[in-house]
Amino acid sequence: MQNWFNRPGYLQGIFFSLLVFLVSSTNDTVMKFVGQRLSELEVAFFRFFFGFITLLPFIIKRGRSIFVTKYLGLNILRSVLGFLSVLLCVYSVIKMPLAEVTTVFWTLPLFVLVLSAIFLKERISANRWRATFIGFSGLYFLMSPDGVSLRLVILIPVASAILFAIQDILIKKMIDNEDRFTMLFYFSLGTTALSLIPALCDWARPTGNELIWLFVLGAGGNLIQYFIFKAYAAAELSALAPFRYCEFIVSAAFGFIFFGDVPGMNLYIAAAIIAPSTLYLVYNESSKKRKLSKPA
């Protein structure tokens, strides 16, 4: 029990999962804070730039091997999608309550399922399609809190979630034959290059304090990926899935403490619909993999 931190296992997986949600909510808070004065384009650029800077020591350590890739085209495509998805995410976090954005991004596994059926030709059971439909229906309570008017701003984080889901599909195609640091390198380099010129078109000189927070934002982005790798290497995704919803509590608390955001009843209803649907898909996928891995 006392060596749980040094050995892969359930407790270690929970620990790193909670760190993912804490850093993710902190990043969202930082984006919302610096976005009060700086443009979304500039915040996204510094998110990528400082992410690349904090990755440099690992790039130098790996040497020339980090440039070797079997999927140059897919890495470039992932960079383009990454730039667009993070830009939309930054805009959403700045303009919307943090807990609301977090809830919308819970739909990401739903989009991954749909896209996997389209692009990877995966066979999807009827129960999984039903869970996906039910999960998507939760977005209605965010788009139309009063049942009459529509809040089209919800479509922005939804679009971001779709782009992130497409990236997940690309990662699935590359992960078995591509070094993780190579993928991180091309992603960081590509997104930094893509975001530079748009950021210069709407530039405001950051203050010293803003630069510190932007550095935290970039470093946090890399930490999130590292903690995800550690969590999923320690325990099964299905075992850790319930802890993902702790992020709602953290983001709601941060939104209330720092920005005075108070979640409405429609947000709780949407969360209560989306969360069980995504949990079902995670457990179903895990069960399917276990059956496939059993010897005949």
C-alpha atoms as a PDB file:
ATOM      1  CA  MET A   1       0.000   0.000   0.000  1.00  0.00           C
ATOM      2  CA  GLN A   2       2.794   2.412   0.883  1.00  0.00           C
ATOM      3  CA  ASN A   3       4.497   1.921  -2.519  1.00  0.00           C
ATOM      4  CA  TRP A   4       1.384   2.622  -4.600  1.00  0.00           C
ATOM      5  CA  PHE A   5       2.917   5.786  -6.058  1.00  0.00           C
ATOM      6  CA  ASN A   6       5.836   3.862  -7.568  1.00  0.00           C
ATOM      7  CA  ARG A   7       3.884   0.911  -8.957  1.00  0.00           C
ATOM      8  CA  PRO A   8       1.263   0.909 -11.716  1.00  0.00           C
ATOM      9  CA  GLY A   9      -2.147   0.093 -10.307  1.00  0.00           C
ATOM     10  CA  TYR A  10      -5.597   1.436  -9.498  1.00  0.00           C
ATOM     11  CA  LEU A  11      -4.494   3.983  -6.846  1.00  0.00           C
ATOM     12  CA  GLN A  12      -1.755   5.340  -9.069  1.00  0.00           C
ATOM     13  CA  GLY A  13      -4.224   5.587 -11.961  1.00  0.00           C
ATOM     14  CA  ILE A  14      -6.702   7.532  -9.819  1.00  0.00           C
ATOM     15  CA  PHE A  15      -3.937   9.863  -8.623  1.00  0.00           C
ATOM     16  CA  PHE A  16      -2.810  10.795 -12.132  1.00  0.00           C
ATOM     17  CA  SER A  17      -6.419  11.031 -13.370  1.00  0.00           C
ATOM     18  CA  LEU A  18      -7.207  13.582 -10.681  1.00  0.00           C
ATOM     19  CA  LEU A  19      -4.060  15.503 -11.635  1.00  0.00           C
ATOM     20  CA  VAL A  20      -5.325  15.597 -15.236  1.00  0.00           C
ATOM     21  CA  PHE A  21      -8.595  17.196 -14.154  1.00  0.00           C
ATOM     22  CA  LEU A  22      -6.911  19.614 -11.754  1.00  0.00           C
ATOM     23  CA  VAL A  23      -4.410  20.825 -14.364  1.00  0.00           C
ATOM     24  CA  SER A  24      -7.099  20.952 -17.063  1.00  0.00           C
ATOM     25  CA  SER A  25      -9.397  23.100 -14.901  1.00  0.00           C
ATOM     26  CA  THR A  26      -6.441  25.297 -13.936  1.00  0.00           C
ATOM     27  CA  ASN A  27      -5.571  25.756 -17.613  1.00  0.00           C
ATOM     28  CA  ASP A  28      -9.164  26.743 -18.381  1.00  0.00           C
ATOM     29  CA  THR A  29      -9.084  29.267 -15.548  1.00  0.00           C
ATOM     30  CA  VAL A  30      -5.806  30.735 -16.832  1.00  0.00           C
ATOM     31  CA  MET A  31      -7.197  30.981 -20.380  1.00  0.00           C
ATOM     32  CA  LYS A  32     -10.304  32.762 -19.133  1.00  0.00           C
ATOM     33  CA  PHE A  33      -8.200  35.114 -17.012  1.00  0.00           C
ATOM     34  CA  VAL A  34      -5.663  36.180 -19.676  1.00  0.00           C
ATOM     35  CA  GLY A  35      -8.422  36.215 -22.290  1.00  0.00           C
ATOM     36  CA  GLN A  36     -10.042  39.186 -20.572  1.00  0.00           C
ATOM     37  CA  ARG A  37      -7.460  41.400 -22.324  1.00  0.00           C
ATOM     38  CA  LEU A  38      -5.630  39.281 -24.897  1.00  0.00           C
ATOM     39  CA  SER A  39      -7.332  37.891 -28.009  1.00  0.00           C
ATOM     40  CA  GLU A  40      -8.226  34.229 -28.390  1.00  0.00           C
ATOM     41  CA  LEU A  41      -5.681  33.972 -31.230  1.00  0.00           C
ATOM     42  CA  GLU A  42      -2.873  35.283 -29.039  1.00  0.00           C
ATOM     43  CA  VAL A  43      -3.773  33.066 -26.089  1.00  0.00           C
ATOM     44  CA  ALA A  44      -3.838  30.018 -28.385  1.00  0.00           C
ATOM     45  CA  PHE A  45      -0.432  30.962 -29.868  1.00  0.00           C
ATOM     46  CA  PHE A  46       1.244  31.266 -26.467  1.00  0.00           C
ATOM     47  CA  ARG A  47      -0.421  28.024 -25.373  1.00  0.00           C
ATOM     48  CA  PHE A  48       1.313  26.274 -28.291  1.00  0.00           C
ATOM     49  CA  PHE A  49       4.575  28.270 -28.112  1.00  0.00           C
ATOM     50  CA  PHE A  50       5.276  27.672 -24.432  1.00  0.00           C
ATOM     51  CA  GLY A  51       4.142  24.081 -24.847  1.00  0.00           C
ATOM     52  CA  PHE A  52       6.862  23.700 -27.489  1.00  0.00           C
ATOM     53  CA  ILE A  53       9.460  25.467 -25.314  1.00  0.00           C
ATOM     54  CA  THR A  54       8.820  23.174 -22.346  1.00  0.00           C
ATOM     55  CA  LEU A  55       9.131  20.191 -24.688  1.00  0.00           C
ATOM     56  CA  LEU A  56      12.587  21.257 -25.953  1.00  0.00           C
ATOM     57  CA  PRO A  57      14.649  19.442 -23.255  1.00  0.00           C
ATOM     58  CA  PHE A  58      12.989  16.148 -24.215  1.00  0.00           C
ATOM     59  CA  ILE A  59      13.521  16.884 -27.927  1.00  0.00           C
ATOM     60  CA  ILE A  60      17.242  17.536 -27.351  1.00  0.00           C
ATOM     61  CA  LYS A  61      17.558  14.380 -25.253  1.00  0.00           C
ATOM     62  CA  ARG A  62      16.000  12.207 -27.967  1.00  0.00           C
ATOM     63  CA  GLY A  63      18.226  13.649 -30.704  1.00  0.00           C
ATOM     64  CA  ARG A  64      17.598  13.211 -34.422  1.00  0.00           C
ATOM     65  CA  SER A  65      15.415  10.166 -33.911  1.00  0.00           C
ATOM     66  CA  ILE A  66      12.542  12.423 -32.890  1.00  0.00           C
ATOM     67  CA  PHE A  67      12.284  13.720 -36.484  1.00  0.00           C
ATOM     68  CA  VAL A  68      11.746  10.243 -37.937  1.00  0.00           C
ATOM     69  CA  THR A  69       8.074   9.732 -38.765  1.00  0.00           C
ATOM     70  CA  LYS A  70       6.037   7.297 -40.811  1.00  0.00           C
ATOM     71  CA  TYR A  71       3.029   9.616 -40.852  1.00  0.00           C
ATOM     72  CA  LEU A  72       4.194  13.086 -41.890  1.00  0.00           C
ATOM     73  CA  GLY A  73       0.900  13.868 -43.624  1.00  0.00           C
ATOM     74  CA  LEU A  74      -1.201  12.736 -40.656  1.00  0.00           C
ATOM     75  CA  ASN A  75       1.008  14.698 -38.241  1.00  0.00           C
ATOM     76  CA  ILE A  76       0.514  17.833 -40.340  1.00  0.00           C
ATOM     77  CA  LEU A  77      -3.250  17.225 -40.470  1.00  0.00           C
ATOM     78  CA  ARG A  78      -3.310  16.696 -36.699  1.00  0.00           C
ATOM     79  CA  SER A  79      -1.496  20.031 -36.236  1.00  0.00           C
ATOM     80  CA  VAL A  80      -4.077  21.858 -38.366  1.00  0.00           C
ATOM     81  CA  LEU A  81      -6.948  20.256 -36.475  1.00  0.00           C
ATOM     82  CA  GLY A  82      -5.158  20.905 -33.177  1.00  0.00           C
ATOM     83  CA  PHE A  83      -4.787  24.606 -33.938  1.00  0.00           C
ATOM     84  CA  LEU A  84      -8.470  24.962 -34.841  1.00  0.00           C
ATOM     85  CA  SER A  85      -9.759  22.854 -31.933  1.00  0.00           C
ATOM     86  CA  VAL A  86      -7.693  24.667 -29.289  1.00  0.00           C
ATOM     87  CA  LEU A  87      -8.632  28.065 -30.760  1.00  0.00           C
ATOM     88  CA  LEU A  88     -12.333  27.198 -30.497  1.00  0.00           C
ATOM     89  CA  CYS A  89     -11.738  25.798 -27.013  1.00  0.00           C
ATOM     90  CA  VAL A  90     -10.015  29.025 -25.894  1.00  0.00           C
ATOM     91  CA  TYR A  91     -12.900  31.098 -27.280  1.00  0.00           C
ATOM     92  CA  SER A  92     -15.440  28.879 -25.489  1.00  0.00           C
ATOM     93  CA  VAL A  93     -13.637  29.066 -22.148  1.00  0.00           C
ATOM     94  CA  ILE A  94     -13.358  32.857 -22.357  1.00  0.00           C
ATOM     95  CA  LYS A  95     -16.993  33.443 -23.363  1.00  0.00           C
ATOM     96  CA  MET A  96     -18.801  30.695 -21.422  1.00  0.00           C
ATOM     97  CA  PRO A  97     -18.947  29.372 -17.830  1.00  0.00           C
ATOM     98  CA  LEU A  98     -16.171  26.837 -17.173  1.00  0.00           C
ATOM     99  CA  ALA A  99     -18.499  24.061 -15.949  1.00  0.00           C
ATOM    100  CA  GLU A 100     -20.611  24.438 -19.089  1.00  0.00           C
ATOM    101  CA  VAL A 101     -17.608  24.027 -21.393  1.00  0.00           C
ATOM    102  CA  THR A 102     -16.471  20.988 -19.377  1.00  0.00           C
ATOM    103  CA  THR A 103     -19.898  19.360 -19.773  1.00  0.00           C
ATOM    104  CA  VAL A 104     -19.939  19.933 -23.534  1.00  0.00           C
ATOM    105  CA  PHE A 105     -16.526  18.289 -23.841  1.00  0.00           C
ATOM    106  CA  TRP A 106     -17.887  15.178 -22.126  1.00  0.00           C
ATOM    107  CA  THR A 107     -19.533  14.459 -25.497  1.00  0.00           C
ATOM    108  CA  LEU A 108     -16.117  13.796 -27.057  1.00  0.00           C
ATOM    109  CA  PRO A 109     -16.410   9.960 -26.703  1.00  0.00           C
ATOM    110  CA  LEU A 110     -19.779  10.174 -28.465  1.00  0.00           C
ATOM    111  CA  PHE A 111     -18.216  11.907 -31.456  1.00  0.00           C
ATOM    112  CA  VAL A 112     -15.316   9.427 -31.438  1.00  0.00           C
ATOM    113  CA  LEU A 113     -17.817   6.569 -31.728  1.00  0.00           C
ATOM    114  CA  VAL A 114     -19.609   8.171 -34.682  1.00  0.00           C
ATOM    115  CA  LEU A 115     -16.340   9.023 -36.450  1.00  0.00           C
ATOM    116  CA  SER A 116     -14.912   5.548 -35.793  1.00  0.00           C
ATOM    117  CA  ALA A 117     -17.936   4.062 -37.527  1.00  0.00           C
ATOM    118  CA  ILE A 118     -17.425   6.377 -40.509  1.00  0.00           C
ATOM    119  CA  PHE A 119     -13.647   6.416 -40.951  1.00  0.00           C
ATOM    120  CA  LEU A 120     -12.423   3.235 -39.247  1.00  0.00           C
ATOM    121  CA  LYS A 121     -15.415   1.146 -40.343  1.00  0.00           C
ATOM    122  CA  GLU A 122     -15.893  -0.088 -36.772  1.00  0.00           C
ATOM    123  CA  ARG A 123     -19.061  -2.089 -36.125  1.00  0.00           C
ATOM    124  CA  ILE A 124     -21.216  -0.351 -33.525  1.00  0.00           C
ATOM    125  CA  SER A 125     -23.894  -2.225 -31.583  1.00  0.00           C
ATOM    126  CA  ALA A 126     -27.457  -0.946 -31.343  1.00  0.00           C
ATOM    127  CA  ASN A 127     -27.052  -0.299 -27.589  1.00  0.00           C
ATOM    128  CA  ARG A 128     -24.004   1.883 -28.189  1.00  0.00           C
ATOM    129  CA  TRP A 129     -25.891   3.882 -30.831  1.00  0.00           C
ATOM    130  CA  ARG A 130     -28.761   4.365 -28.355  1.00  0.00           C
ATOM    131  CA  ALA A 131     -26.361   5.566 -25.654  1.00  0.00           C
ATOM    132  CA  THR A 132     -24.809   7.966 -28.151  1.00  0.00           C
ATOM    133  CA  PHE A 133     -28.193   9.394 -29.159  1.00  0.00           C
ATOM    134  CA  ILE A 134     -29.215   9.839 -25.511  1.00  0.00           C
ATOM    135  CA  GLY A 135     -25.909  11.549 -24.754  1.00  0.00           C
ATOM    136  CA  PHE A 136     -26.299  13.984 -27.630  1.00  0.00           C
ATOM    137  CA  SER A 137     -29.819  14.817 -26.448  1.00  0.00           C
ATOM    138  CA  GLY A 138     -28.255  16.309 -23.310  1.00  0.00           C
ATOM    139  CA  LEU A 139     -26.842  19.123 -25.456  1.00  0.00           C
ATOM    140  CA  TYR A 140     -30.404  20.306 -26.054  1.00  0.00           C
ATOM    141  CA  PHE A 141     -30.678  21.505 -22.447  1.00  0.00           C
ATOM    142  CA  LEU A 142     -27.563  23.621 -22.949  1.00  0.00           C
ATOM    143  CA  MET A 143     -28.629  25.005 -26.314  1.00  0.00           C
ATOM    144  CA  SER A 144     -32.169  25.843 -25.188  1.00  0.00           C
ATOM    145  CA  PRO A 145     -32.421  26.362 -21.398  1.00  0.00           C
ATOM    146  CA  ASP A 146     -35.945  27.763 -21.669  1.00  0.00           C
ATOM    147  CA  GLY A 147     -37.112  25.360 -24.379  1.00  0.00           C
ATOM    148  CA  VAL A 148     -37.739  28.228 -26.815  1.00  0.00           C
ATOM    149  CA  SER A 149     -34.648  30.286 -27.671  1.00  0.00           C
ATOM    150  CA  LEU A 150     -31.397  28.814 -28.967  1.00  0.00           C
ATOM    151  CA  ARG A 151     -27.911  29.562 -27.616  1.00  0.00           C
ATOM    152  CA  LEU A 152     -25.813  29.030 -30.736  1.00  0.00           C
ATOM    153  CA  VAL A 153     -22.623  29.738 -28.770  1.00  0.00           C
ATOM    154  CA  ILE A 154     -22.848  26.098 -27.586  1.00  0.00           C
ATOM    155  CA  LEU A 155     -21.984  25.030 -31.141  1.00  0.00           C
ATOM    156  CA  ILE A 156     -18.465  26.463 -30.714  1.00  0.00           C
ATOM    157  CA  PRO A 157     -17.286  23.995 -28.014  1.00  0.00           C
ATOM    158  CA  VAL A 158     -19.250  21.286 -29.841  1.00  0.00           C
ATOM    159  CA  ALA A 159     -17.211  22.029 -32.990  1.00  0.00           C
ATOM    160  CA  SER A 160     -14.058  21.946 -30.885  1.00  0.00           C
ATOM    161  CA  ALA A 161     -15.045  18.560 -29.436  1.00  0.00           C
ATOM    162  CA  ILE A 162     -15.621  17.190 -32.952  1.00  0.00           C
ATOM    163  CA  LEU A 163     -12.152  18.338 -34.045  1.00  0.00           C
ATOM    164  CA  PHE A 164     -10.599  16.775 -30.927  1.00  0.00           C
ATOM    165  CA  ALA A 165     -12.477  13.550 -31.719  1.00  0.00           C
ATOM    166  CA  ILE A 166     -11.028  13.503 -35.249  1.00  0.00           C
ATOM    167  CA  GLN A 167      -7.575  13.895 -33.687  1.00  0.00           C
ATOM    168  CA  ASP A 168      -8.294  10.889 -31.469  1.00  0.00           C
ATOM    169  CA  ILE A 169      -9.055   8.884 -34.607  1.00  0.00           C
ATOM    170  CA  LEU A 170      -5.743   9.974 -36.144  1.00  0.00           C
ATOM    171  CA  ILE A 171      -3.895   9.031 -32.960  1.00  0.00           C
ATOM    172  CA  LYS A 172      -5.510   5.574 -33.069  1.00  0.00           C
ATOM    173  CA  LYS A 173      -4.109   5.113 -36.581  1.00  0.00           C
ATOM    174  CA  MET A 174      -0.600   6.267 -35.604  1.00  0.00           C
ATOM    175  CA  ILE A 175      -0.014   5.232 -31.998  1.00  0.00           C
ATOM    176  CA  ASP A 176       1.165   1.650 -32.634  1.00  0.00           C
ATOM    177  CA  ASN A 177       3.866   2.662 -35.126  1.00  0.00           C
ATOM    178  CA  GLU A 178       4.823   6.201 -34.067  1.00  0.00           C
ATOM    179  CA  ASP A 179       6.913   7.378 -31.109  1.00  0.00           C
ATOM    180  CA  ARG A 180       4.852   9.476 -28.664  1.00  0.00           C
ATOM    181  CA  PHE A 181       7.508  12.178 -28.427  1.00  0.00           C
ATOM    182  CA  THR A 182       7.647  12.380 -32.228  1.00  0.00           C
ATOM    183  CA  MET A 183       3.906  12.946 -32.253  1.00  0.00           C
ATOM    184  CA  LEU A 184       4.212  15.617 -29.551  1.00  0.00           C
ATOM    185  CA  PHE A 185       7.075  17.296 -31.414  1.00  0.00           C
ATOM    186  CA  TYR A 186       5.282  17.618 -34.749  1.00  0.00           C
ATOM    187  CA  PHE A 187       2.072  18.683 -33.025  1.00  0.00           C
ATOM    188  CA  SER A 188       3.778  21.402 -30.966  1.00  0.00           C
ATOM    189  CA  LEU A 189       5.878  22.671 -33.879  1.00  0.00           C
ATOM    190  CA  GLY A 190       2.986  22.658 -36.336  1.00  0.00           C
ATOM    191  CA  THR A 191       0.451  24.356 -34.082  1.00  0.00           C
ATOM    192  CA  THR A 192       2.964  27.028 -33.027  1.00  0.00           C
ATOM    193  CA  ALA A 193       3.786  27.839 -36.660  1.00  0.00           C
ATOM    194  CA  LEU A 194       0.123  27.870 -37.716  1.00  0.00           C
ATOM    195  CA  SER A 195      -0.981  30.157 -34.887  1.00  0.00           C
ATOM    196  CA  LEU A 196       1.817  32.766 -35.174  1.00  0.00           C
ATOM    197  CA  ILE A 197       0.584  34.873 -38.106  1.00  0.00           C
ATOM    198  CA  PRO A 198      -3.103  34.945 -37.007  1.00  0.00           C
ATOM    199  CA  ALA A 199      -1.952  35.988 -33.509  1.00  0.00           C
ATOM    200  CA  LEU A 200       0.169  38.844 -34.931  1.00  0.00           C
ATOM    201  CA  CYS A 201      -2.924  40.172 -36.719  1.00  0.00           C
ATOM    202  CA  ASP A 202      -4.646  40.760 -33.360  1.00  0.00           C
ATOM    203  CA  TRP A 203      -1.640  41.340 -31.100  1.00  0.00           C
ATOM    204  CA  ALA A 204      -1.509  43.053 -27.727  1.00  0.00           C
ATOM    205  CA  ARG A 205       1.783  43.126 -25.857  1.00  0.00           C
ATOM    206  CA  PRO A 206       1.479  40.773 -22.862  1.00  0.00           C
ATOM    207  CA  THR A 207       2.445  42.083 -19.448  1.00  0.00           C
ATOM    208  CA  GLY A 208       5.033  40.287 -17.324  1.00  0.00           C
ATOM    209  CA  ASN A 209       2.318  38.658 -15.202  1.00  0.00           C
ATOM    210  CA  GLU A 210       0.410  37.550 -18.301  1.00  0.00           C
ATOM    211  CA  LEU A 211       3.552  35.943 -19.736  1.00  0.00           C
ATOM    212  CA  ILE A 212       4.008  33.967 -16.527  1.00  0.00           C
ATOM    213  CA  TRP A 213       0.423  32.711 -16.700  1.00  0.00           C
ATOM    214  CA  LEU A 214       0.778  31.927 -20.412  1.00  0.00           C
ATOM    215  CA  PHE A 215       3.896  29.892 -19.635  1.00  0.00           C
ATOM    216  CA  VAL A 216       1.896  28.000 -17.008  1.00  0.00           C
ATOM    217  CA  LEU A 217      -0.762  27.401 -19.680  1.00  0.00           C
ATOM    218  CA  GLY A 218       1.735  25.955 -22.182  1.00  0.00           C
ATOM    219  CA  ALA A 219       3.482  23.793 -19.592  1.00  0.00           C
ATOM    220  CA  GLY A 220       0.088  22.643 -18.310  1.00  0.00           C
ATOM    221  CA  GLY A 221      -0.866  21.416 -21.773  1.00  0.00           C
ATOM    222  CA  ASN A 222       2.146  19.093 -21.832  1.00  0.00           C
ATOM    223  CA  LEU A 223       1.530  17.997 -18.241  1.00  0.00           C
ATOM    224  CA  ILE A 224      -2.022  16.971 -19.119  1.00  0.00           C
ATOM    225  CA  GLN A 225      -0.761  14.653 -21.868  1.00  0.00           C
ATOM    226  CA  TYR A 226       1.943  13.236 -19.583  1.00  0.00           C
ATOM    227  CA  PHE A 227      -0.523  12.569 -16.759  1.00  0.00           C
ATOM    228  CA  ILE A 228      -2.940  10.918 -19.204  1.00  0.00           C
ATOM    229  CA  PHE A 229      -0.183   8.572 -20.385  1.00  0.00           C
ATOM    230  CA  LYS A 230       0.699   7.733 -16.765  1.00  0.00           C
ATOM    231  CA  ALA A 231      -2.925   7.200 -15.704  1.00  0.00           C
ATOM    232  CA  TYR A 232      -3.818   4.890 -18.577  1.00  0.00           C
ATOM    233  CA  ALA A 233      -0.566   2.956 -18.215  1.00  0.00           C
ATOM    234  CA  ALA A 234      -1.409   2.338 -14.542  1.00  0.00           C
ATOM    235  CA  ALA A 235      -5.043   1.224 -14.817  1.00  0.00           C
ATOM    236  CA  GLU A 236      -7.792   0.488 -17.338  1.00  0.00           C
ATOM    237  CA  LEU A 237      -9.696   3.366 -18.867  1.00  0.00           C
ATOM    238  CA  SER A 238     -13.017   1.930 -17.649  1.00  0.00           C
ATOM    239  CA  ALA A 239     -11.762   1.823 -14.056  1.00  0.00           C
ATOM    240  CA  LEU A 240     -10.743   5.471 -14.171  1.00  0.00           C
ATOM    241  CA  ALA A 241     -13.717   6.792 -16.177  1.00  0.00           C
ATOM    242  CA  PRO A 242     -15.948   7.697 -13.174  1.00  0.00           C
ATOM    243  CA  PHE A 243     -13.271  10.009 -11.811  1.00  0.00           C
ATOM    244  CA  ARG A 244     -13.407  12.071 -14.987  1.00  0.00           C
ATOM    245  CA  TYR A 245     -16.571  13.708 -13.751  1.00  0.00           C
ATOM    246  CA  CYS A 246     -14.711  15.202 -10.799  1.00  0.00           C
ATOM    247  CA  GLU A 247     -13.606  17.807 -13.332  1.00  0.00           C
ATOM    248  CA  PHE A 248     -17.147  19.212 -13.324  1.00  0.00           C
ATOM    249  CA  ILE A 249     -16.872  19.901  -9.591  1.00  0.00           C
ATOM    250  CA  VAL A 250     -13.437  21.508  -9.938  1.00  0.00           C
ATOM    251  CA  SER A 251     -14.369  23.658 -12.953  1.00  0.00           C
ATOM    252  CA  ALA A 252     -17.649  24.734 -11.339  1.00  0.00           C
ATOM    253  CA  ALA A 253     -15.764  25.694  -8.155  1.00  0.00           C
ATOM    254  CA  PHE A 254     -13.088  27.619 -10.075  1.00  0.00           C
ATOM    255  CA  GLY A 255     -15.746  29.355 -12.189  1.00  0.00           C
ATOM    256  CA  PHE A 256     -17.658  30.437  -9.093  1.00  0.00           C
ATOM    257  CA  ILE A 257     -14.601  31.504  -7.045  1.00  0.00           C
ATOM    258  CA  PHE A 258     -12.748  33.427  -9.758  1.00  0.00           C
ATOM    259  CA  PHE A 259     -15.505  34.590 -12.133  1.00  0.00           C
ATOM    260  CA  GLY A 260     -18.784  34.390 -10.195  1.00  0.00           C
ATOM    261  CA  ASP A 261     -20.292  31.749 -12.503  1.00  0.00           C
ATOM    262  CA  VAL A 262     -23.314  29.974 -11.024  1.00  0.00           C
ATOM    263  CA  PRO A 263     -24.422  26.814 -12.924  1.00  0.00           C
ATOM    264  CA  GLY A 264     -28.111  26.757 -13.845  1.00  0.00           C
ATOM    265  CA  MET A 265     -30.458  23.794 -13.500  1.00  0.00           C
ATOM    266  CA  ASN A 266     -30.229  23.130 -17.256  1.00  0.00           C
ATOM    267  CA  LEU A 267     -26.501  22.440 -16.849  1.00  0.00           C
ATOM    268  CA  TYR A 268     -27.122  19.829 -14.137  1.00  0.00           C
ATOM    269  CA  ILE A 269     -29.772  18.152 -16.324  1.00  0.00           C
ATOM    270  CA  ALA A 270     -27.405  18.071 -19.321  1.00  0.00           C
ATOM    271  CA  ALA A 271     -24.596  16.655 -17.167  1.00  0.00           C
ATOM    272  CA  ALA A 272     -26.930  14.004 -15.728  1.00  0.00           C
ATOM    273  CA  ILE A 273     -27.777  12.854 -19.269  1.00  0.00           C
ATOM    274  CA  ILE A 274     -24.354  13.049 -20.917  1.00  0.00           C
ATOM    275  CA  ALA A 275     -22.276  11.508 -18.097  1.00  0.00           C
ATOM    276  CA  PRO A 276     -24.051   8.103 -17.885  1.00  0.00           C
ATOM    277  CA  SER A 277     -24.076   7.811 -21.689  1.00  0.00           C
ATOM    278  CA  THR A 278     -20.320   8.318 -22.006  1.00  0.00           C
ATOM    279  CA  LEU A 279     -19.674   6.027 -19.034  1.00  0.00           C
ATOM    280  CA  TYR A 280     -21.687   3.274 -20.719  1.00  0.00           C
ATOM    281  CA  LEU A 281     -19.654   3.614 -23.913  1.00  0.00           C
ATOM    282  CA  VAL A 282     -16.367   3.441 -21.992  1.00  0.00           C
ATOM    283  CA  TYR A 283     -17.391   0.300 -20.068  1.00  0.00           C
ATOM    284  CA  ASN A 284     -18.828  -1.298 -23.190  1.00  0.00           C
ATOM    285  CA  GLU A 285     -15.617  -0.674 -25.141  1.00  0.00           C
ATOM    286  CA  SER A 286     -13.513  -2.061 -22.280  1.00  0.00           C
ATOM    287  CA  SER A 287     -15.683  -5.189 -22.059  1.00  0.00           C
ATOM    288  CA  LYS A 288     -15.391  -5.730 -25.817  1.00  0.00           C
ATOM    289  CA  LYS A 289     -11.577  -5.491 -25.677  1.00  0.00           C
ATOM    290  CA  ARG A 290     -11.398  -7.968 -22.795  1.00  0.00           C
ATOM    291  CA  LYS A 291     -13.493 -10.485 -24.764  1.00  0.00           C
ATOM    292  CA  LEU A 292     -11.270 -10.084 -27.833  1.00  0.00           C
ATOM    293  CA  SER A 293      -8.120 -10.555 -25.764  1.00  0.00           C
ATOM    294  CA  LYS A 294      -9.296 -13.821 -24.157  1.00  0.00           C
ATOM    295  CA  PRO A 295      -7.724 -16.932 -25.683  1.00  0.00           C
ATOM    296  CA  ALA A 296     -10.062 -19.074 -27.709  1.00  0.00           C
END
